[in-house]
C-alpha cells in the first residue's frame, strides 16, 4: 500500500494526474492476461493484441 500512496502523491504533486487512467488500463490488461493464461478464452484475448 505504501507504493500506491507514493505513486498517488507523485502524480498529484507533479500535476501528472492524466497518467492515472493509463496506469489503470495497463493494470487491467495485465491482470486479464494473467487470468486468461490457462483458460479457454486465451485465443480470443490474444487476438485483441
N, C-alpha and C. Protein backbone atom coordinates (compact mmCIF):
# COMPACT_ATOMS: atom_id res chain seq x y z
N UNK A 1 0.81 -1.20 0.00
CA UNK A 1 0.00 0.00 0.00
C UNK A 1 0.86 1.27 0.00
N UNK A 2 2.03 1.18 0.57
CA UNK A 2 2.91 2.35 0.63
C UNK A 2 3.30 2.80 -0.78
N UNK A 3 3.53 1.84 -1.67
CA UNK A 3 3.89 2.17 -3.05
C UNK A 3 2.76 2.95 -3.73
N UNK A 4 1.53 2.51 -3.52
CA UNK A 4 0.40 3.20 -4.14
C UNK A 4 0.24 4.61 -3.61
N UNK A 5 0.48 4.80 -2.30
CA UNK A 5 0.41 6.15 -1.74
C UNK A 5 1.49 7.05 -2.33
N UNK A 6 2.69 6.51 -2.44
CA UNK A 6 3.77 7.31 -3.02
C UNK A 6 3.51 7.64 -4.49
N UNK A 7 2.98 6.67 -5.23
CA UNK A 7 2.66 6.91 -6.63
C UNK A 7 1.59 8.00 -6.76
N UNK A 8 0.55 7.91 -5.93
CA UNK A 8 -0.52 8.91 -5.99
C UNK A 8 0.02 10.30 -5.63
N UNK A 9 0.86 10.37 -4.59
CA UNK A 9 1.44 11.66 -4.21
C UNK A 9 2.32 12.22 -5.32
N UNK A 10 3.08 11.36 -5.97
CA UNK A 10 3.93 11.80 -7.08
C UNK A 10 3.06 12.38 -8.21
N UNK A 11 2.00 11.65 -8.58
CA UNK A 11 1.14 12.12 -9.66
C UNK A 11 0.45 13.43 -9.30
N UNK A 12 0.04 13.56 -8.04
CA UNK A 12 -0.66 14.76 -7.62
C UNK A 12 0.26 15.97 -7.53
N UNK A 13 1.42 15.78 -6.95
CA UNK A 13 2.35 16.90 -6.75
C UNK A 13 2.91 17.39 -8.08
N UNK A 14 3.25 16.47 -8.96
CA UNK A 14 3.87 16.85 -10.23
C UNK A 14 2.85 17.17 -11.32
N UNK A 15 1.58 17.21 -10.95
CA UNK A 15 0.49 17.53 -11.89
C UNK A 15 0.44 16.54 -13.07
N UNK A 16 0.64 15.28 -12.76
CA UNK A 16 0.62 14.24 -13.79
C UNK A 16 -0.60 13.33 -13.62
N UNK A 17 -1.72 13.89 -13.21
CA UNK A 17 -2.91 13.08 -12.97
C UNK A 17 -3.46 12.45 -14.25
N UNK A 18 -3.07 12.98 -15.40
CA UNK A 18 -3.53 12.40 -16.66
C UNK A 18 -2.92 11.01 -16.87
N UNK A 19 -1.86 10.67 -16.13
CA UNK A 19 -1.26 9.34 -16.24
C UNK A 19 -2.06 8.27 -15.50
N UNK A 20 -2.89 8.66 -14.56
CA UNK A 20 -3.63 7.70 -13.74
C UNK A 20 -4.51 6.77 -14.59
N UNK A 21 -5.32 7.27 -15.53
CA UNK A 21 -6.14 6.35 -16.34
C UNK A 21 -5.29 5.39 -17.18
N UNK A 22 -4.16 5.85 -17.66
CA UNK A 22 -3.28 4.98 -18.45
C UNK A 22 -2.74 3.85 -17.59
N UNK A 23 -2.32 4.17 -16.39
CA UNK A 23 -1.80 3.15 -15.47
C UNK A 23 -2.88 2.15 -15.12
N UNK A 24 -4.10 2.63 -14.86
CA UNK A 24 -5.21 1.73 -14.50
C UNK A 24 -5.54 0.78 -15.65
N UNK A 25 -5.59 1.30 -16.87
CA UNK A 25 -5.89 0.45 -18.03
C UNK A 25 -4.79 -0.60 -18.23
N UNK A 26 -3.54 -0.19 -18.05
CA UNK A 26 -2.44 -1.15 -18.20
C UNK A 26 -2.53 -2.24 -17.14
N UNK A 27 -2.89 -1.89 -15.93
CA UNK A 27 -3.05 -2.90 -14.87
C UNK A 27 -4.21 -3.85 -15.17
N UNK A 28 -5.30 -3.33 -15.71
CA UNK A 28 -6.44 -4.18 -16.06
C UNK A 28 -6.06 -5.16 -17.16
N UNK A 29 -5.38 -4.67 -18.20
CA UNK A 29 -4.96 -5.56 -19.29
C UNK A 29 -3.96 -6.60 -18.80
N UNK A 30 -3.04 -6.20 -17.93
CA UNK A 30 -2.09 -7.15 -17.38
C UNK A 30 -2.76 -8.22 -16.56
N UNK A 31 -3.72 -7.82 -15.73
CA UNK A 31 -4.47 -8.80 -14.94
C UNK A 31 -5.28 -9.73 -15.82
N UNK A 32 -5.85 -9.19 -16.88
CA UNK A 32 -6.62 -10.01 -17.82
C UNK A 32 -5.74 -11.05 -18.48
N UNK A 33 -4.54 -10.66 -18.87
CA UNK A 33 -3.63 -11.61 -19.49
C UNK A 33 -3.18 -12.70 -18.51
N UNK A 34 -2.95 -12.33 -17.27
CA UNK A 34 -2.53 -13.32 -16.27
C UNK A 34 -3.66 -14.30 -15.97
N UNK A 35 -4.87 -13.79 -15.83
CA UNK A 35 -6.02 -14.65 -15.52
C UNK A 35 -6.33 -15.58 -16.68
N UNK A 36 -6.19 -15.11 -17.89
CA UNK A 36 -6.58 -15.90 -19.06
C UNK A 36 -5.47 -16.80 -19.57
N UNK A 37 -4.36 -16.86 -18.87
CA UNK A 37 -3.21 -17.63 -19.34
C UNK A 37 -3.58 -19.09 -19.64
N UNK A 38 -4.32 -19.73 -18.78
CA UNK A 38 -4.62 -21.14 -18.99
C UNK A 38 -6.07 -21.40 -19.30
N UNK A 39 -6.81 -20.39 -19.69
CA UNK A 39 -8.24 -20.59 -19.90
C UNK A 39 -8.56 -20.81 -21.38
N UNK A 40 -9.80 -21.12 -21.64
CA UNK A 40 -10.28 -21.33 -23.00
C UNK A 40 -10.38 -20.00 -23.75
N UNK A 41 -10.52 -18.92 -23.01
CA UNK A 41 -10.67 -17.60 -23.62
C UNK A 41 -9.35 -17.03 -24.16
N UNK A 42 -8.23 -17.65 -23.84
CA UNK A 42 -6.92 -17.12 -24.20
C UNK A 42 -6.77 -16.80 -25.70
N UNK A 43 -7.17 -17.68 -26.62
CA UNK A 43 -7.00 -17.33 -28.04
C UNK A 43 -7.80 -16.09 -28.46
N UNK A 44 -8.95 -15.87 -27.85
CA UNK A 44 -9.76 -14.71 -28.20
C UNK A 44 -9.17 -13.44 -27.64
N UNK A 45 -8.60 -13.52 -26.44
CA UNK A 45 -7.99 -12.34 -25.82
C UNK A 45 -6.71 -11.96 -26.55
N UNK A 46 -5.93 -12.94 -26.95
CA UNK A 46 -4.67 -12.63 -27.63
C UNK A 46 -4.90 -12.00 -29.01
N UNK A 47 -6.06 -12.21 -29.60
CA UNK A 47 -6.33 -11.56 -30.89
C UNK A 47 -6.54 -10.06 -30.72
N UNK A 48 -6.85 -9.61 -29.50
CA UNK A 48 -7.02 -8.17 -29.27
C UNK A 48 -5.69 -7.44 -29.35
N UNK A 49 -4.59 -8.14 -29.09
CA UNK A 49 -3.29 -7.52 -29.07
C UNK A 49 -2.55 -7.87 -30.31
